[in-house]
């Protein structure tokens, strides 16, 4: 895969490329695995001194898929795709990555898709993952350089994800608020997290969309990405998610998983300079719960 840049500084190639988020590891891959660095169409090395206006071209070698990741054919709900990125709508009940307990995962499905499409790069790069029972939008990078550039956006909190959740509690839920409470591991569990003064900073904001008695449909914006953050924060304020028995959620409304759906994803595409924003509609199990609540 080829990328071109115009030098705007009198610096070494490696310094210039670092400012374009080409890491040392990627430079090594270019050098030792069949790639090229060209300056004004002539081969050069990483310490070549650039002049302003020089055309810098890099050829990044193709990425083979991990042999340990099994390809599993499955229809995908593709929301957005270009040469560099892929956004999918993940159903509830499907894990993001393989584990001891899960082998039919989004990563397996994407690998099979890449093979079917005969893509040059067949390594699966997950940028934003979701819990197994959370539905909605997932972002994939289609090569390592794209992944590195989105990692920078993640670090700077420039990738925006919004979620719908159905929550239930006693008393009134504020119409709009911020939940800022540190989250850490639960010493009594290998799975659950909890709010603890020794935890890591966690920030969630939300807005109530609709109320059905003691159940609320909320639109949530994550400012940090702690494990189970939304589930922990809403349980902490006394409004756990419907179906989330792990954190005290009600099982009385017929939804068989935590009522959480990533409905909006926004990121900046550094390769064409455009913002990408995509949405996913309210899932069917949410709609069924809401219809029953409205009928009451």
C-alpha atoms as a PDB file:
ATOM      1  CA  UNK A   1       0.000   0.000   0.000  1.00  0.00           C
ATOM      2  CA  UNK A   2       1.423   3.347  -1.073  1.00  0.00           C
ATOM      3  CA  UNK A   3       1.212   6.732   0.688  1.00  0.00           C
ATOM      4  CA  UNK A   4       2.658  10.050  -0.442  1.00  0.00           C
ATOM      5  CA  UNK A   5       3.531  13.234   1.434  1.00  0.00           C
ATOM      6  CA  UNK A   6       5.104  16.592   0.580  1.00  0.00           C
ATOM      7  CA  UNK A   7       7.892  17.672   2.922  1.00  0.00           C
ATOM      8  CA  UNK A   8       7.261  20.988   4.646  1.00  0.00           C
ATOM      9  CA  UNK A   9      10.403  20.934   6.807  1.00  0.00           C
ATOM     10  CA  UNK A  10      14.142  20.469   6.386  1.00  0.00           C
ATOM     11  CA  UNK A  11      14.382  17.285   8.493  1.00  0.00           C
ATOM     12  CA  UNK A  12      15.349  13.622   8.220  1.00  0.00           C
ATOM     13  CA  UNK A  13      12.884  11.245   6.585  1.00  0.00           C
ATOM     14  CA  UNK A  14      12.237   9.366   9.848  1.00  0.00           C
ATOM     15  CA  UNK A  15      11.502  12.617  11.703  1.00  0.00           C
ATOM     16  CA  UNK A  16       9.119  13.755   8.993  1.00  0.00           C
ATOM     17  CA  UNK A  17       7.333  10.395   8.863  1.00  0.00           C
ATOM     18  CA  UNK A  18       6.999  10.272  12.652  1.00  0.00           C
ATOM     19  CA  UNK A  19       4.939  13.464  12.425  1.00  0.00           C
ATOM     20  CA  UNK A  20       2.665  11.533  10.067  1.00  0.00           C
ATOM     21  CA  UNK A  21       2.351   8.790  12.711  1.00  0.00           C
ATOM     22  CA  UNK A  22       4.710   6.337  11.020  1.00  0.00           C
ATOM     23  CA  UNK A  23       6.161   4.484  14.016  1.00  0.00           C
ATOM     24  CA  UNK A  24       9.642   2.988  14.403  1.00  0.00           C
ATOM     25  CA  UNK A  25       8.050  -0.438  14.138  1.00  0.00           C
ATOM     26  CA  UNK A  26       6.362   0.426  10.861  1.00  0.00           C
ATOM     27  CA  UNK A  27       9.597   1.918   9.507  1.00  0.00           C
ATOM     28  CA  UNK A  28      11.378  -1.336  10.392  1.00  0.00           C
ATOM     29  CA  UNK A  29       8.671  -3.297   8.617  1.00  0.00           C
ATOM     30  CA  UNK A  30       9.106  -1.111   5.525  1.00  0.00           C
ATOM     31  CA  UNK A  31      12.876  -1.659   5.636  1.00  0.00           C
ATOM     32  CA  UNK A  32      12.997  -5.390   6.317  1.00  0.00           C
ATOM     33  CA  UNK A  33       9.743  -6.807   4.912  1.00  0.00           C
ATOM     34  CA  UNK A  34       9.671  -5.624   1.338  1.00  0.00           C
ATOM     35  CA  UNK A  35       8.620  -1.984   1.577  1.00  0.00           C
ATOM     36  CA  UNK A  36      10.198   1.137   0.118  1.00  0.00           C
ATOM     37  CA  UNK A  37      11.008   4.731   0.983  1.00  0.00           C
ATOM     38  CA  UNK A  38      11.247   7.012  -2.032  1.00  0.00           C
ATOM     39  CA  UNK A  39      12.124  10.701  -2.172  1.00  0.00           C
ATOM     40  CA  UNK A  40      11.251  12.334  -5.483  1.00  0.00           C
ATOM     41  CA  UNK A  41      10.828   8.782  -6.860  1.00  0.00           C
ATOM     42  CA  UNK A  42      14.344   7.724  -5.830  1.00  0.00           C
ATOM     43  CA  UNK A  43      15.064   5.107  -3.104  1.00  0.00           C
ATOM     44  CA  UNK A  44      16.372   6.653   0.111  1.00  0.00           C
ATOM     45  CA  UNK A  45      16.887   5.591   3.722  1.00  0.00           C
ATOM     46  CA  UNK A  46      15.292   6.867   6.909  1.00  0.00           C
ATOM     47  CA  UNK A  47      18.107   9.310   7.714  1.00  0.00           C
ATOM     48  CA  UNK A  48      18.042  11.069   4.352  1.00  0.00           C
ATOM     49  CA  UNK A  49      17.746  14.843   4.837  1.00  0.00           C
ATOM     50  CA  UNK A  50      14.675  16.291   3.151  1.00  0.00           C
ATOM     51  CA  UNK A  51      14.289  19.650   1.476  1.00  0.00           C
ATOM     52  CA  UNK A  52      11.010  21.555   1.619  1.00  0.00           C
ATOM     53  CA  UNK A  53       8.848  20.446  -1.287  1.00  0.00           C
ATOM     54  CA  UNK A  54      10.338  16.958  -1.602  1.00  0.00           C
ATOM     55  CA  UNK A  55       7.814  14.221  -2.438  1.00  0.00           C
ATOM     56  CA  UNK A  56       8.098  11.393   0.084  1.00  0.00           C
ATOM     57  CA  UNK A  57       6.577   8.040  -0.878  1.00  0.00           C
ATOM     58  CA  UNK A  58       6.326   4.969   1.323  1.00  0.00           C
ATOM     59  CA  UNK A  59       5.292   1.487   0.221  1.00  0.00           C
ATOM     60  CA  UNK A  60       4.005  -0.541   3.171  1.00  0.00           C
ATOM     61  CA  UNK A  61       4.198  -4.342   2.782  1.00  0.00           C
ATOM     62  CA  UNK A  62       0.984  -6.352   2.756  1.00  0.00           C
ATOM     63  CA  UNK A  63      -0.201  -7.844   6.046  1.00  0.00           C
ATOM     64  CA  UNK A  64      -0.979 -11.533   6.229  1.00  0.00           C
ATOM     65  CA  UNK A  65      -3.782 -12.576   8.553  1.00  0.00           C
ATOM     66  CA  UNK A  66      -2.929 -14.198  11.870  1.00  0.00           C
ATOM     67  CA  UNK A  67      -2.880 -17.972  11.349  1.00  0.00           C
ATOM     68  CA  UNK A  68      -4.337 -18.498  14.827  1.00  0.00           C
ATOM     69  CA  UNK A  69      -7.474 -16.532  13.906  1.00  0.00           C
ATOM     70  CA  UNK A  70      -9.941 -18.851  12.198  1.00  0.00           C
ATOM     71  CA  UNK A  71     -12.013 -17.437   9.343  1.00  0.00           C
ATOM     72  CA  UNK A  72     -15.753 -17.962   9.877  1.00  0.00           C
ATOM     73  CA  UNK A  73     -18.183 -17.068   7.099  1.00  0.00           C
ATOM     74  CA  UNK A  74     -21.036 -14.895   8.308  1.00  0.00           C
ATOM     75  CA  UNK A  75     -23.123 -12.141   6.776  1.00  0.00           C
ATOM     76  CA  UNK A  76     -22.016  -8.723   8.038  1.00  0.00           C
ATOM     77  CA  UNK A  77     -24.038  -5.558   8.461  1.00  0.00           C
ATOM     78  CA  UNK A  78     -21.636  -3.078   6.834  1.00  0.00           C
ATOM     79  CA  UNK A  79     -22.431   0.544   7.732  1.00  0.00           C
ATOM     80  CA  UNK A  80     -19.353   2.173   6.197  1.00  0.00           C
ATOM     81  CA  UNK A  81     -16.318   0.996   4.258  1.00  0.00           C
ATOM     82  CA  UNK A  82     -13.464   2.576   2.356  1.00  0.00           C
ATOM     83  CA  UNK A  83      -9.881   1.581   1.566  1.00  0.00           C
ATOM     84  CA  UNK A  84      -8.781   2.123   5.165  1.00  0.00           C
ATOM     85  CA  UNK A  85     -11.727   1.638   7.533  1.00  0.00           C
ATOM     86  CA  UNK A  86     -14.713  -0.616   8.126  1.00  0.00           C
ATOM     87  CA  UNK A  87     -17.700   0.076  10.393  1.00  0.00           C
ATOM     88  CA  UNK A  88     -20.013  -2.829  11.259  1.00  0.00           C
ATOM     89  CA  UNK A  89     -23.281  -3.108  13.158  1.00  0.00           C
ATOM     90  CA  UNK A  90     -22.660  -5.901  15.676  1.00  0.00           C
ATOM     91  CA  UNK A  91     -25.611  -7.963  16.903  1.00  0.00           C
ATOM     92  CA  UNK A  92     -26.017  -8.731  20.599  1.00  0.00           C
ATOM     93  CA  UNK A  93     -24.682 -12.117  21.674  1.00  0.00           C
ATOM     94  CA  UNK A  94     -21.532 -12.019  19.524  1.00  0.00           C
ATOM     95  CA  UNK A  95     -18.139 -11.403  21.128  1.00  0.00           C
ATOM     96  CA  UNK A  96     -15.669  -8.982  19.552  1.00  0.00           C
ATOM     97  CA  UNK A  97     -12.579 -11.195  19.791  1.00  0.00           C
ATOM     98  CA  UNK A  98     -11.941 -14.921  20.319  1.00  0.00           C
ATOM     99  CA  UNK A  99     -11.394 -16.333  23.784  1.00  0.00           C
ATOM    100  CA  UNK A 100     -11.555 -19.688  25.516  1.00  0.00           C
ATOM    101  CA  UNK A 101     -15.348 -19.401  25.488  1.00  0.00           C
ATOM    102  CA  UNK A 102     -15.923 -17.713  22.121  1.00  0.00           C
ATOM    103  CA  UNK A 103     -14.742 -18.655  18.610  1.00  0.00           C
ATOM    104  CA  UNK A 104     -17.563 -17.269  16.435  1.00  0.00           C
ATOM    105  CA  UNK A 105     -16.658 -13.631  16.944  1.00  0.00           C
ATOM    106  CA  UNK A 106     -16.639 -10.420  14.935  1.00  0.00           C
ATOM    107  CA  UNK A 107     -12.888 -10.848  14.363  1.00  0.00           C
ATOM    108  CA  UNK A 108     -13.483 -14.316  12.856  1.00  0.00           C
ATOM    109  CA  UNK A 109     -16.252 -12.960  10.623  1.00  0.00           C
ATOM    110  CA  UNK A 110     -14.156 -10.017   9.430  1.00  0.00           C
ATOM    111  CA  UNK A 111     -11.216 -12.263   8.565  1.00  0.00           C
ATOM    112  CA  UNK A 112     -13.499 -14.405   6.381  1.00  0.00           C
ATOM    113  CA  UNK A 113     -14.853 -11.248   4.737  1.00  0.00           C
ATOM    114  CA  UNK A 114     -11.339 -10.003   3.936  1.00  0.00           C
ATOM    115  CA  UNK A 115     -10.505 -13.382   2.379  1.00  0.00           C
ATOM    116  CA  UNK A 116     -13.692 -13.395   0.286  1.00  0.00           C
ATOM    117  CA  UNK A 117     -12.915  -9.892  -0.946  1.00  0.00           C
ATOM    118  CA  UNK A 118      -9.285 -10.890  -1.671  1.00  0.00           C
ATOM    119  CA  UNK A 119      -8.019  -7.803   0.140  1.00  0.00           C
ATOM    120  CA  UNK A 120      -4.296  -7.101   0.028  1.00  0.00           C
ATOM    121  CA  UNK A 121      -4.168  -6.747   3.829  1.00  0.00           C
ATOM    122  CA  UNK A 122      -5.883  -9.559   5.718  1.00  0.00           C
ATOM    123  CA  UNK A 123      -4.927  -8.801   9.303  1.00  0.00           C
ATOM    124  CA  UNK A 124      -7.894  -7.809  11.471  1.00  0.00           C
ATOM    125  CA  UNK A 125      -7.427  -4.564  13.412  1.00  0.00           C
ATOM    126  CA  UNK A 126     -10.201  -3.783  15.906  1.00  0.00           C
ATOM    127  CA  UNK A 127     -10.233  -0.122  16.911  1.00  0.00           C
ATOM    128  CA  UNK A 128     -13.358  -0.064  19.107  1.00  0.00           C
ATOM    129  CA  UNK A 129     -14.731  -3.268  20.593  1.00  0.00           C
ATOM    130  CA  UNK A 130     -18.003  -4.016  22.361  1.00  0.00           C
ATOM    131  CA  UNK A 131     -18.984  -6.442  25.090  1.00  0.00           C
ATOM    132  CA  UNK A 132     -20.554  -9.672  23.848  1.00  0.00           C
ATOM    133  CA  UNK A 133     -24.097  -8.671  24.806  1.00  0.00           C
ATOM    134  CA  UNK A 134     -23.798  -5.041  23.719  1.00  0.00           C
ATOM    135  CA  UNK A 135     -25.015  -4.349  20.190  1.00  0.00           C
ATOM    136  CA  UNK A 136     -24.126  -1.602  17.760  1.00  0.00           C
ATOM    137  CA  UNK A 137     -21.299   0.019  15.851  1.00  0.00           C
ATOM    138  CA  UNK A 138     -17.739  -1.329  15.814  1.00  0.00           C
ATOM    139  CA  UNK A 139     -14.809   0.319  14.039  1.00  0.00           C
ATOM    140  CA  UNK A 140     -12.066  -1.654  12.267  1.00  0.00           C
ATOM    141  CA  UNK A 141      -8.890  -0.436  10.579  1.00  0.00           C
ATOM    142  CA  UNK A 142      -7.999  -2.318   7.399  1.00  0.00           C
ATOM    143  CA  UNK A 143      -4.220  -2.032   7.800  1.00  0.00           C
ATOM    144  CA  UNK A 144      -1.706  -1.316  10.536  1.00  0.00           C
ATOM    145  CA  UNK A 145      -1.006   2.271   9.532  1.00  0.00           C
ATOM    146  CA  UNK A 146      -4.708   3.133   9.650  1.00  0.00           C
ATOM    147  CA  UNK A 147      -4.910   1.465  13.064  1.00  0.00           C
ATOM    148  CA  UNK A 148      -1.972   3.511  14.350  1.00  0.00           C
ATOM    149  CA  UNK A 149      -3.573   6.753  13.195  1.00  0.00           C
ATOM    150  CA  UNK A 150      -6.876   5.932  14.901  1.00  0.00           C
ATOM    151  CA  UNK A 151      -5.044   4.888  18.064  1.00  0.00           C
ATOM    152  CA  UNK A 152      -3.781   8.459  18.254  1.00  0.00           C
ATOM    153  CA  UNK A 153      -7.355   9.698  18.005  1.00  0.00           C
ATOM    154  CA  UNK A 154      -8.397   7.302  20.764  1.00  0.00           C
ATOM    155  CA  UNK A 155      -5.616   8.582  23.003  1.00  0.00           C
ATOM    156  CA  UNK A 156      -6.762  12.161  22.397  1.00  0.00           C
ATOM    157  CA  UNK A 157     -10.440  11.163  22.909  1.00  0.00           C
ATOM    158  CA  UNK A 158     -11.303  12.289  19.391  1.00  0.00           C
ATOM    159  CA  UNK A 159     -13.358   9.209  18.483  1.00  0.00           C
ATOM    160  CA  UNK A 160     -16.899   9.784  19.712  1.00  0.00           C
ATOM    161  CA  UNK A 161     -19.205   6.892  20.581  1.00  0.00           C
ATOM    162  CA  UNK A 162     -22.773   7.317  21.784  1.00  0.00           C
ATOM    163  CA  UNK A 163     -24.985   4.645  23.277  1.00  0.00           C
ATOM    164  CA  UNK A 164     -28.642   4.016  23.962  1.00  0.00           C
ATOM    165  CA  UNK A 165     -29.487   2.267  27.215  1.00  0.00           C
ATOM    166  CA  UNK A 166     -32.669   1.319  29.038  1.00  0.00           C
ATOM    167  CA  UNK A 167     -32.217   1.882  32.775  1.00  0.00           C
ATOM    168  CA  UNK A 168     -34.483   1.461  35.772  1.00  0.00           C
ATOM    169  CA  UNK A 169     -34.327   2.730  39.329  1.00  0.00           C
ATOM    170  CA  UNK A 170     -36.223   4.232  42.225  1.00  0.00           C
ATOM    171  CA  UNK A 171     -36.703   7.972  42.420  1.00  0.00           C
ATOM    172  CA  UNK A 172     -36.166  10.369  39.547  1.00  0.00           C
ATOM    173  CA  UNK A 173     -33.271  10.237  37.106  1.00  0.00           C
ATOM    174  CA  UNK A 174     -31.948  13.698  36.275  1.00  0.00           C
ATOM    175  CA  UNK A 175     -32.855  14.739  32.744  1.00  0.00           C
ATOM    176  CA  UNK A 176     -29.227  15.393  31.878  1.00  0.00           C
ATOM    177  CA  UNK A 177     -26.088  14.871  33.934  1.00  0.00           C
ATOM    178  CA  UNK A 178     -22.464  13.801  34.221  1.00  0.00           C
ATOM    179  CA  UNK A 179     -21.241  10.733  36.085  1.00  0.00           C
ATOM    180  CA  UNK A 180     -17.617  11.138  37.133  1.00  0.00           C
ATOM    181  CA  UNK A 181     -16.504   8.290  39.360  1.00  0.00           C
ATOM    182  CA  UNK A 182     -13.303   6.169  39.284  1.00  0.00           C
ATOM    183  CA  UNK A 183     -13.661   2.531  38.222  1.00  0.00           C
ATOM    184  CA  UNK A 184     -11.484  -0.387  39.298  1.00  0.00           C
ATOM    185  CA  UNK A 185     -11.526  -4.160  39.596  1.00  0.00           C
ATOM    186  CA  UNK A 186     -13.817  -5.840  42.068  1.00  0.00           C
ATOM    187  CA  UNK A 187     -11.490  -7.772  44.417  1.00  0.00           C
ATOM    188  CA  UNK A 188     -14.209 -10.383  44.873  1.00  0.00           C
ATOM    189  CA  UNK A 189     -14.671 -11.099  41.143  1.00  0.00           C
ATOM    190  CA  UNK A 190     -12.532 -11.692  38.053  1.00  0.00           C
ATOM    191  CA  UNK A 191     -15.281 -10.228  35.829  1.00  0.00           C
ATOM    192  CA  UNK A 192     -17.004  -7.289  37.470  1.00  0.00           C
ATOM    193  CA  UNK A 193     -15.798  -3.743  38.081  1.00  0.00           C
ATOM    194  CA  UNK A 194     -16.931  -1.205  40.653  1.00  0.00           C
ATOM    195  CA  UNK A 195     -16.622   2.432  41.614  1.00  0.00           C
ATOM    196  CA  UNK A 196     -13.686   2.735  43.990  1.00  0.00           C
ATOM    197  CA  UNK A 197     -11.439   5.580  45.101  1.00  0.00           C
ATOM    198  CA  UNK A 198      -8.452   3.500  43.944  1.00  0.00           C
ATOM    199  CA  UNK A 199      -9.866   3.101  40.427  1.00  0.00           C
ATOM    200  CA  UNK A 200      -9.086   4.915  37.197  1.00  0.00           C
ATOM    201  CA  UNK A 201     -10.779   8.169  36.225  1.00  0.00           C
ATOM    202  CA  UNK A 202     -14.044   7.524  34.384  1.00  0.00           C
ATOM    203  CA  UNK A 203     -16.441  10.073  32.887  1.00  0.00           C
ATOM    204  CA  UNK A 204     -19.897   9.406  31.421  1.00  0.00           C
ATOM    205  CA  UNK A 205     -22.497  11.963  30.364  1.00  0.00           C
ATOM    206  CA  UNK A 206     -26.103  11.221  29.486  1.00  0.00           C
ATOM    207  CA  UNK A 207     -29.419  12.719  28.469  1.00  0.00           C
ATOM    208  CA  UNK A 208     -32.858  11.204  29.016  1.00  0.00           C
ATOM    209  CA  UNK A 209     -34.650  10.646  25.700  1.00  0.00           C
ATOM    210  CA  UNK A 210     -37.910   9.212  27.027  1.00  0.00           C
ATOM    211  CA  UNK A 211     -39.399   7.992  30.307  1.00  0.00           C
ATOM    212  CA  UNK A 212     -41.747   5.033  30.824  1.00  0.00           C
ATOM    213  CA  UNK A 213     -42.639   5.010  34.517  1.00  0.00           C
ATOM    214  CA  UNK A 214     -39.494   3.951  36.347  1.00  0.00           C
ATOM    215  CA  UNK A 215     -37.700   2.983  33.110  1.00  0.00           C
ATOM    216  CA  UNK A 216     -35.718   5.534  31.082  1.00  0.00           C
ATOM    217  CA  UNK A 217     -34.274   5.488  27.570  1.00  0.00           C
ATOM    218  CA  UNK A 218     -31.014   7.417  27.799  1.00  0.00           C
ATOM    219  CA  UNK A 219     -28.496   8.661  25.240  1.00  0.00           C
ATOM    220  CA  UNK A 220     -24.976   8.240  26.631  1.00  0.00           C
ATOM    221  CA  UNK A 221     -21.654   9.796  25.662  1.00  0.00           C
ATOM    222  CA  UNK A 222     -18.487   8.064  26.856  1.00  0.00           C
ATOM    223  CA  UNK A 223     -15.564  10.387  27.583  1.00  0.00           C
ATOM    224  CA  UNK A 224     -13.347   7.534  28.822  1.00  0.00           C
ATOM    225  CA  UNK A 225     -13.334   3.841  27.968  1.00  0.00           C
ATOM    226  CA  UNK A 226     -13.139   1.806  31.166  1.00  0.00           C
ATOM    227  CA  UNK A 227     -14.286  -1.811  31.200  1.00  0.00           C
ATOM    228  CA  UNK A 228     -18.074  -2.014  31.780  1.00  0.00           C
ATOM    229  CA  UNK A 229     -18.059   1.766  32.327  1.00  0.00           C
ATOM    230  CA  UNK A 230     -21.688   2.496  31.452  1.00  0.00           C
ATOM    231  CA  UNK A 231     -22.965  -0.531  33.337  1.00  0.00           C
ATOM    232  CA  UNK A 232     -20.927   0.303  36.446  1.00  0.00           C
ATOM    233  CA  UNK A 233     -21.755   4.018  36.434  1.00  0.00           C
ATOM    234  CA  UNK A 234     -25.515   3.596  36.068  1.00  0.00           C
ATOM    235  CA  UNK A 235     -25.568   0.862  38.695  1.00  0.00           C
ATOM    236  CA  UNK A 236     -23.582   3.196  40.955  1.00  0.00           C
ATOM    237  CA  UNK A 237     -26.226   5.939  40.744  1.00  0.00           C
ATOM    238  CA  UNK A 238     -29.035   3.439  41.368  1.00  0.00           C
ATOM    239  CA  UNK A 239     -30.250   3.007  37.779  1.00  0.00           C
ATOM    240  CA  UNK A 240     -28.762  -0.249  36.442  1.00  0.00           C
ATOM    241  CA  UNK A 241     -29.416  -1.332  32.860  1.00  0.00           C
ATOM    242  CA  UNK A 242     -32.363  -3.587  32.141  1.00  0.00           C
ATOM    243  CA  UNK A 243     -31.263  -7.198  31.668  1.00  0.00           C
ATOM    244  CA  UNK A 244     -27.900  -6.589  33.356  1.00  0.00           C
ATOM    245  CA  UNK A 245     -28.145  -8.991  36.287  1.00  0.00           C
ATOM    246  CA  UNK A 246     -24.367  -8.754  36.759  1.00  0.00           C
ATOM    247  CA  UNK A 247     -24.834  -5.200  38.037  1.00  0.00           C
ATOM    248  CA  UNK A 248     -28.282  -5.457  39.581  1.00  0.00           C
ATOM    249  CA  UNK A 249     -30.395  -4.777  36.505  1.00  0.00           C
ATOM    250  CA  UNK A 250     -34.037  -5.839  36.301  1.00  0.00           C
ATOM    251  CA  UNK A 251     -34.900  -9.048  34.418  1.00  0.00           C
ATOM    252  CA  UNK A 252     -38.631  -8.355  34.457  1.00  0.00           C
ATOM    253  CA  UNK A 253     -38.972  -6.716  31.049  1.00  0.00           C
ATOM    254  CA  UNK A 254     -38.119  -9.564  28.706  1.00  0.00           C
ATOM    255  CA  UNK A 255     -34.778  -8.315  27.414  1.00  0.00           C
ATOM    256  CA  UNK A 256     -32.214 -11.119  27.687  1.00  0.00           C
ATOM    257  CA  UNK A 257     -29.021  -9.058  27.731  1.00  0.00           C
ATOM    258  CA  UNK A 258     -27.839  -5.717  29.080  1.00  0.00           C
ATOM    259  CA  UNK A 259     -29.904  -3.072  27.317  1.00  0.00           C
ATOM    260  CA  UNK A 260     -26.973  -1.254  25.725  1.00  0.00           C
ATOM    261  CA  UNK A 261     -26.523  -0.290  22.070  1.00  0.00           C
ATOM    262  CA  UNK A 262     -23.780   1.795  20.413  1.00  0.00           C
ATOM    263  CA  UNK A 263     -25.908   3.892  18.074  1.00  0.00           C
ATOM    264  CA  UNK A 264     -23.454   6.553  16.886  1.00  0.00           C
ATOM    265  CA  UNK A 265     -19.786   6.583  15.890  1.00  0.00           C
ATOM    266  CA  UNK A 266     -17.781   9.596  14.748  1.00  0.00           C
ATOM    267  CA  UNK A 267     -14.102   9.742  13.764  1.00  0.00           C
ATOM    268  CA  UNK A 268     -11.767  11.723  11.525  1.00  0.00           C
ATOM    269  CA  UNK A 269     -10.452  10.018   8.387  1.00  0.00           C
ATOM    270  CA  UNK A 270      -6.856  11.265   8.142  1.00  0.00           C
ATOM    271  CA  UNK A 271      -6.439   9.922   4.615  1.00  0.00           C
ATOM    272  CA  UNK A 272      -9.087  12.092   2.972  1.00  0.00           C
ATOM    273  CA  UNK A 273      -9.444  14.830   5.602  1.00  0.00           C
ATOM    274  CA  UNK A 274     -13.139  14.162   6.176  1.00  0.00           C
ATOM    275  CA  UNK A 275     -15.151  13.383   9.296  1.00  0.00           C
ATOM    276  CA  UNK A 276     -17.014  10.083   9.232  1.00  0.00           C
ATOM    277  CA  UNK A 277     -20.226   9.831  11.246  1.00  0.00           C
ATOM    278  CA  UNK A 278     -22.505   6.803  11.116  1.00  0.00           C
ATOM    279  CA  UNK A 279     -25.592   5.717  13.048  1.00  0.00           C
ATOM    280  CA  UNK A 280     -27.395   2.492  13.936  1.00  0.00           C
ATOM    281  CA  UNK A 281     -31.136   2.382  14.682  1.00  0.00           C
ATOM    282  CA  UNK A 282     -32.695   1.237  17.940  1.00  0.00           C
ATOM    283  CA  UNK A 283     -32.473  -2.592  18.011  1.00  0.00           C
ATOM    284  CA  UNK A 284     -35.600  -4.753  17.912  1.00  0.00           C
ATOM    285  CA  UNK A 285     -35.386  -5.997  21.506  1.00  0.00           C
ATOM    286  CA  UNK A 286     -35.277  -2.369  22.719  1.00  0.00           C
ATOM    287  CA  UNK A 287     -38.330  -1.562  20.583  1.00  0.00           C
ATOM    288  CA  UNK A 288     -40.254  -4.527  21.984  1.00  0.00           C
ATOM    289  CA  UNK A 289     -39.559  -3.487  25.575  1.00  0.00           C
ATOM    290  CA  UNK A 290     -40.570   0.113  24.842  1.00  0.00           C
ATOM    291  CA  UNK A 291     -43.806  -0.988  23.133  1.00  0.00           C
ATOM    292  CA  UNK A 292     -44.743  -3.100  26.161  1.00  0.00           C
ATOM    293  CA  UNK A 293     -43.960  -0.242  28.542  1.00  0.00           C
ATOM    294  CA  UNK A 294     -46.013   2.184  26.482  1.00  0.00           C
ATOM    295  CA  UNK A 295     -48.923  -0.273  26.426  1.00  0.00           C
ATOM    296  CA  UNK A 296     -48.997  -0.217  30.222  1.00  0.00           C
END
